[in-house]
Amino acid sequence: MELMTAVWLIIGGLLEPCWVIALRKSDSYRNRTWAVVAVILIIASPFFLSLAMLDMHMGTAYAIWTGIGSIGTVVAGCLLYKEKIERLQIFFLFVIIVGITGLQLMGGA
């Protein structure tokens, strides 16, 4: 995988938890400032995914993007909102990481 492909994919993945946080702060779109931020991030995140898909397999790119977003959202929930996470949930997050790594090792780029 080329460096810029990885950069686009990581940026897109990291924007996923950002838009989820903004969406929560928008209070179901009642807070217009956070609603606008959420919409911008909702557009930006898949835009960066689309840049990464120019140079890598669609399925692998999507798996990595959603994996970064899913794990990032869980971590953000724990850190920002004191959401509790169970050991089994940590195990399944690890399974996501293993699956993404396996896809990449199998030639996903």
N, C-alpha and C. Protein backbone atom coordinates (compact mmCIF):
# COMPACT_ATOMS: atom_id res chain seq x y z
N MET A 1 0.86 -1.18 0.00
CA MET A 1 0.00 0.00 0.00
C MET A 1 0.90 1.24 0.00
N GLU A 2 0.57 2.17 -0.87
CA GLU A 2 1.34 3.41 -0.92
C GLU A 2 1.06 4.26 0.31
N LEU A 3 2.02 5.11 0.64
CA LEU A 3 1.90 5.94 1.83
C LEU A 3 0.66 6.81 1.80
N MET A 4 0.40 7.51 0.69
CA MET A 4 -0.75 8.41 0.64
C MET A 4 -2.07 7.64 0.71
N THR A 5 -2.09 6.43 0.16
CA THR A 5 -3.29 5.60 0.27
C THR A 5 -3.58 5.32 1.73
N ALA A 6 -2.54 4.96 2.48
CA ALA A 6 -2.70 4.70 3.92
C ALA A 6 -3.12 5.95 4.66
N VAL A 7 -2.54 7.08 4.29
CA VAL A 7 -2.87 8.35 4.95
C VAL A 7 -4.34 8.69 4.72
N TRP A 8 -4.81 8.59 3.46
CA TRP A 8 -6.22 8.90 3.17
C TRP A 8 -7.14 7.98 3.97
N LEU A 9 -6.78 6.71 4.01
CA LEU A 9 -7.62 5.73 4.71
C LEU A 9 -7.67 6.00 6.21
N ILE A 10 -6.53 6.31 6.78
CA ILE A 10 -6.49 6.61 8.23
C ILE A 10 -7.26 7.88 8.53
N ILE A 11 -7.08 8.92 7.72
CA ILE A 11 -7.83 10.17 7.95
C ILE A 11 -9.33 9.89 7.88
N GLY A 12 -9.76 9.18 6.83
CA GLY A 12 -11.17 8.85 6.70
C GLY A 12 -11.69 8.05 7.87
N GLY A 13 -10.89 7.07 8.32
CA GLY A 13 -11.30 6.25 9.47
C GLY A 13 -11.38 7.05 10.75
N LEU A 14 -10.44 7.95 10.96
CA LEU A 14 -10.45 8.76 12.18
C LEU A 14 -11.57 9.80 12.18
N LEU A 15 -12.03 10.19 11.01
CA LEU A 15 -13.16 11.12 10.94
C LEU A 15 -14.47 10.44 11.32
N GLU A 16 -14.51 9.12 11.23
CA GLU A 16 -15.73 8.39 11.62
C GLU A 16 -16.14 8.67 13.06
N PRO A 17 -15.27 8.41 14.05
CA PRO A 17 -15.70 8.72 15.42
C PRO A 17 -15.93 10.21 15.64
N CYS A 18 -15.25 11.05 14.88
CA CYS A 18 -15.46 12.50 15.01
C CYS A 18 -16.89 12.88 14.63
N TRP A 19 -17.40 12.30 13.51
CA TRP A 19 -18.77 12.66 13.14
C TRP A 19 -19.79 12.05 14.10
N VAL A 20 -19.45 10.89 14.66
CA VAL A 20 -20.37 10.30 15.64
C VAL A 20 -20.46 11.18 16.89
N ILE A 21 -19.31 11.67 17.34
CA ILE A 21 -19.30 12.58 18.49
C ILE A 21 -20.06 13.86 18.17
N ALA A 22 -19.80 14.43 16.99
CA ALA A 22 -20.50 15.66 16.59
C ALA A 22 -22.01 15.42 16.50
N LEU A 23 -22.39 14.25 15.99
CA LEU A 23 -23.80 13.91 15.89
C LEU A 23 -24.44 13.85 17.28
N ARG A 24 -23.72 13.25 18.23
CA ARG A 24 -24.25 13.20 19.59
C ARG A 24 -24.38 14.60 20.17
N LYS A 25 -23.36 15.42 19.95
CA LYS A 25 -23.39 16.80 20.47
C LYS A 25 -24.45 17.65 19.77
N SER A 26 -24.87 17.24 18.58
CA SER A 26 -25.90 18.01 17.86
C SER A 26 -27.27 17.88 18.50
N ASP A 27 -27.42 16.93 19.41
CA ASP A 27 -28.69 16.73 20.11
C ASP A 27 -29.82 16.53 19.10
N SER A 28 -29.66 15.49 18.29
CA SER A 28 -30.63 15.17 17.23
C SER A 28 -30.85 16.35 16.28
N TYR A 29 -29.76 17.00 15.93
CA TYR A 29 -29.73 18.13 14.99
C TYR A 29 -30.39 19.39 15.54
N ARG A 30 -30.64 19.46 16.84
CA ARG A 30 -31.21 20.69 17.42
C ARG A 30 -30.14 21.76 17.61
N ASN A 31 -28.91 21.33 17.89
CA ASN A 31 -27.79 22.26 17.99
C ASN A 31 -27.21 22.40 16.59
N ARG A 32 -27.53 23.49 15.94
CA ARG A 32 -27.19 23.66 14.52
C ARG A 32 -25.69 23.66 14.26
N THR A 33 -24.92 24.24 15.16
CA THR A 33 -23.46 24.27 14.95
C THR A 33 -22.90 22.86 14.88
N TRP A 34 -23.23 22.03 15.87
CA TRP A 34 -22.75 20.65 15.87
C TRP A 34 -23.37 19.84 14.74
N ALA A 35 -24.59 20.17 14.37
CA ALA A 35 -25.23 19.48 13.24
C ALA A 35 -24.46 19.75 11.95
N VAL A 36 -24.05 20.99 11.74
CA VAL A 36 -23.28 21.33 10.54
C VAL A 36 -21.93 20.61 10.57
N VAL A 37 -21.27 20.62 11.72
CA VAL A 37 -19.99 19.91 11.85
C VAL A 37 -20.19 18.43 11.53
N ALA A 38 -21.25 17.83 12.06
CA ALA A 38 -21.52 16.41 11.80
C ALA A 38 -21.70 16.15 10.31
N VAL A 39 -22.48 16.97 9.65
CA VAL A 39 -22.74 16.76 8.21
C VAL A 39 -21.45 16.90 7.41
N ILE A 40 -20.64 17.90 7.74
CA ILE A 40 -19.37 18.07 7.03
C ILE A 40 -18.49 16.83 7.21
N LEU A 41 -18.40 16.34 8.44
CA LEU A 41 -17.58 15.16 8.70
C LEU A 41 -18.16 13.90 8.06
N ILE A 42 -19.49 13.82 8.01
CA ILE A 42 -20.14 12.66 7.37
C ILE A 42 -19.82 12.65 5.87
N ILE A 43 -19.64 13.79 5.28
CA ILE A 43 -19.25 13.86 3.87
C ILE A 43 -17.75 13.63 3.71
N ALA A 44 -16.95 14.20 4.60
CA ALA A 44 -15.49 14.12 4.47
C ALA A 44 -14.96 12.71 4.67
N SER A 45 -15.52 11.98 5.62
CA SER A 45 -15.00 10.64 5.92
C SER A 45 -15.05 9.70 4.72
N PRO A 46 -16.19 9.51 4.06
CA PRO A 46 -16.19 8.64 2.89
C PRO A 46 -15.44 9.24 1.69
N PHE A 47 -15.28 10.57 1.66
CA PHE A 47 -14.47 11.16 0.60
C PHE A 47 -13.04 10.64 0.69
N PHE A 48 -12.48 10.62 1.91
CA PHE A 48 -11.12 10.11 2.07
C PHE A 48 -11.06 8.61 1.79
N LEU A 49 -12.11 7.89 2.15
CA LEU A 49 -12.19 6.47 1.78
C LEU A 49 -12.13 6.32 0.27
N SER A 50 -12.84 7.16 -0.46
CA SER A 50 -12.85 7.06 -1.92
C SER A 50 -11.46 7.31 -2.50
N LEU A 51 -10.69 8.20 -1.88
CA LEU A 51 -9.32 8.43 -2.34
C LEU A 51 -8.47 7.18 -2.13
N ALA A 52 -8.65 6.54 -1.00
CA ALA A 52 -7.88 5.32 -0.73
C ALA A 52 -8.26 4.20 -1.69
N MET A 53 -9.53 4.14 -2.07
CA MET A 53 -9.98 3.06 -2.96
C MET A 53 -9.46 3.20 -4.38
N LEU A 54 -8.84 4.33 -4.70
CA LEU A 54 -8.22 4.46 -6.01
C LEU A 54 -7.05 3.50 -6.17
N ASP A 55 -6.40 3.15 -5.04
CA ASP A 55 -5.21 2.32 -5.08
C ASP A 55 -5.30 1.03 -4.27
N MET A 56 -6.46 0.69 -3.76
CA MET A 56 -6.57 -0.57 -3.02
C MET A 56 -7.95 -1.18 -3.23
N HIS A 57 -8.05 -2.46 -2.93
CA HIS A 57 -9.32 -3.16 -3.12
C HIS A 57 -10.41 -2.53 -2.26
N MET A 58 -11.56 -2.41 -2.86
CA MET A 58 -12.70 -1.78 -2.22
C MET A 58 -13.05 -2.44 -0.88
N GLY A 59 -13.14 -3.76 -0.87
CA GLY A 59 -13.54 -4.47 0.35
C GLY A 59 -12.55 -4.30 1.48
N THR A 60 -11.28 -4.36 1.16
CA THR A 60 -10.25 -4.17 2.19
C THR A 60 -10.25 -2.75 2.70
N ALA A 61 -10.35 -1.78 1.80
CA ALA A 61 -10.38 -0.38 2.21
C ALA A 61 -11.57 -0.12 3.12
N TYR A 62 -12.72 -0.65 2.74
CA TYR A 62 -13.93 -0.44 3.54
C TYR A 62 -13.81 -1.11 4.91
N ALA A 63 -13.25 -2.30 4.94
CA ALA A 63 -13.08 -3.01 6.22
C ALA A 63 -12.16 -2.23 7.16
N ILE A 64 -11.07 -1.71 6.63
CA ILE A 64 -10.14 -0.94 7.45
C ILE A 64 -10.80 0.35 7.92
N TRP A 65 -11.49 1.03 7.02
CA TRP A 65 -12.17 2.29 7.33
C TRP A 65 -13.20 2.09 8.44
N THR A 66 -14.04 1.08 8.29
CA THR A 66 -15.07 0.85 9.31
C THR A 66 -14.45 0.34 10.60
N GLY A 67 -13.37 -0.43 10.49
CA GLY A 67 -12.69 -0.91 11.69
C GLY A 67 -12.12 0.24 12.50
N ILE A 68 -11.42 1.15 11.82
CA ILE A 68 -10.88 2.33 12.51
C ILE A 68 -12.03 3.12 13.13
N GLY A 69 -13.08 3.30 12.37
CA GLY A 69 -14.23 4.05 12.88
C GLY A 69 -14.91 3.39 14.07
N SER A 70 -15.10 2.08 13.98
CA SER A 70 -15.76 1.35 15.07
C SER A 70 -14.93 1.37 16.34
N ILE A 71 -13.66 1.03 16.21
CA ILE A 71 -12.79 1.01 17.38
C ILE A 71 -12.62 2.42 17.94
N GLY A 72 -12.45 3.39 17.06
CA GLY A 72 -12.31 4.78 17.51
C GLY A 72 -13.54 5.28 18.23
N THR A 73 -14.71 4.88 17.77
CA THR A 73 -15.95 5.31 18.41
C THR A 73 -16.10 4.69 19.80
N VAL A 74 -15.74 3.43 19.93
CA VAL A 74 -15.78 2.77 21.24
C VAL A 74 -14.81 3.46 22.21
N VAL A 75 -13.59 3.71 21.74
CA VAL A 75 -12.60 4.38 22.58
C VAL A 75 -13.07 5.78 22.96
N ALA A 76 -13.61 6.52 22.00
CA ALA A 76 -14.12 7.87 22.29
C ALA A 76 -15.25 7.81 23.32
N GLY A 77 -16.13 6.85 23.18
CA GLY A 77 -17.21 6.71 24.15
C GLY A 77 -16.69 6.46 25.56
N CYS A 78 -15.66 5.63 25.65
CA CYS A 78 -15.06 5.34 26.96
C CYS A 78 -14.38 6.57 27.55
N LEU A 79 -13.62 7.27 26.72
CA LEU A 79 -12.84 8.41 27.21
C LEU A 79 -13.69 9.66 27.45
N LEU A 80 -14.59 9.95 26.52
CA LEU A 80 -15.35 11.21 26.61
C LEU A 80 -16.64 11.10 27.42
N TYR A 81 -17.26 9.93 27.37
CA TYR A 81 -18.58 9.78 27.99
C TYR A 81 -18.60 8.74 29.10
N LYS A 82 -17.41 8.26 29.46
CA LYS A 82 -17.27 7.29 30.57
C LYS A 82 -18.14 6.04 30.36
N GLU A 83 -18.32 5.66 29.08
CA GLU A 83 -19.07 4.44 28.79
C GLU A 83 -18.22 3.24 29.20
N LYS A 84 -18.86 2.28 29.80
CA LYS A 84 -18.17 1.09 30.28
C LYS A 84 -17.98 0.11 29.11
N ILE A 85 -16.87 -0.60 29.15
CA ILE A 85 -16.61 -1.63 28.14
C ILE A 85 -16.26 -2.93 28.86
N GLU A 86 -16.90 -3.99 28.42
CA GLU A 86 -16.71 -5.30 29.02
C GLU A 86 -15.53 -6.01 28.37
N ARG A 87 -14.98 -7.00 29.05
CA ARG A 87 -13.87 -7.77 28.50
C ARG A 87 -14.23 -8.44 27.18
N LEU A 88 -15.43 -8.94 27.08
CA LEU A 88 -15.84 -9.60 25.85
C LEU A 88 -15.90 -8.60 24.69
N GLN A 89 -16.30 -7.38 24.97
CA GLN A 89 -16.30 -6.35 23.94
C GLN A 89 -14.87 -6.06 23.47
N ILE A 90 -13.93 -6.01 24.40
CA ILE A 90 -12.53 -5.81 24.04
C ILE A 90 -12.05 -6.96 23.16
N PHE A 91 -12.45 -8.17 23.50
CA PHE A 91 -12.09 -9.34 22.68
C PHE A 91 -12.61 -9.17 21.25
N PHE A 92 -13.84 -8.75 21.09
CA PHE A 92 -14.41 -8.62 19.75
C PHE A 92 -13.79 -7.44 18.98
N LEU A 93 -13.37 -6.40 19.66
CA LEU A 93 -12.62 -5.34 19.00
C LEU A 93 -11.29 -5.89 18.49
N PHE A 94 -10.67 -6.75 19.28
CA PHE A 94 -9.44 -7.42 18.86
C PHE A 94 -9.70 -8.28 17.62
N VAL A 95 -10.83 -8.95 17.58
CA VAL A 95 -11.20 -9.76 16.41
C VAL A 95 -11.31 -8.88 15.17
N ILE A 96 -11.85 -7.68 15.31
CA ILE A 96 -11.91 -6.75 14.18
C ILE A 96 -10.50 -6.45 13.68
N ILE A 97 -9.60 -6.16 14.60
CA ILE A 97 -8.21 -5.86 14.22
C ILE A 97 -7.57 -7.05 13.52
N VAL A 98 -7.78 -8.25 14.03
CA VAL A 98 -7.22 -9.45 13.40
C VAL A 98 -7.80 -9.63 12.00
N GLY A 99 -9.09 -9.41 11.84
CA GLY A 99 -9.72 -9.55 10.52
C GLY A 99 -9.18 -8.56 9.52
N ILE A 100 -9.01 -7.32 9.94
CA ILE A 100 -8.47 -6.30 9.05
C ILE A 100 -7.04 -6.64 8.66
N THR A 101 -6.26 -7.07 9.64
CA THR A 101 -4.87 -7.45 9.37
C THR A 101 -4.82 -8.62 8.40
N GLY A 102 -5.69 -9.59 8.61
CA GLY A 102 -5.73 -10.74 7.70
C GLY A 102 -6.07 -10.33 6.28
N LEU A 103 -7.04 -9.45 6.12
CA LEU A 103 -7.39 -8.97 4.78
C LEU A 103 -6.20 -8.29 4.10
N GLN A 104 -5.51 -7.47 4.87
CA GLN A 104 -4.36 -6.76 4.31
C GLN A 104 -3.24 -7.73 3.95
N LEU A 105 -3.00 -8.72 4.79
CA LEU A 105 -1.94 -9.70 4.52
C LEU A 105 -2.26 -10.57 3.30
N MET A 106 -3.54 -10.73 3.03
CA MET A 106 -3.95 -11.56 1.89
C MET A 106 -3.89 -10.79 0.57
N GLY A 107 -3.32 -9.61 0.61
CA GLY A 107 -3.13 -8.87 -0.63
C GLY A 107 -4.25 -7.90 -0.93
N GLY A 108 -4.74 -7.23 0.08
CA GLY A 108 -5.86 -6.32 -0.11
C GLY A 108 -5.53 -4.99 -0.75
N ALA A 109 -4.25 -4.75 -1.02
CA ALA A 109 -3.90 -3.46 -1.63
C ALA A 109 -3.62 -3.63 -3.11
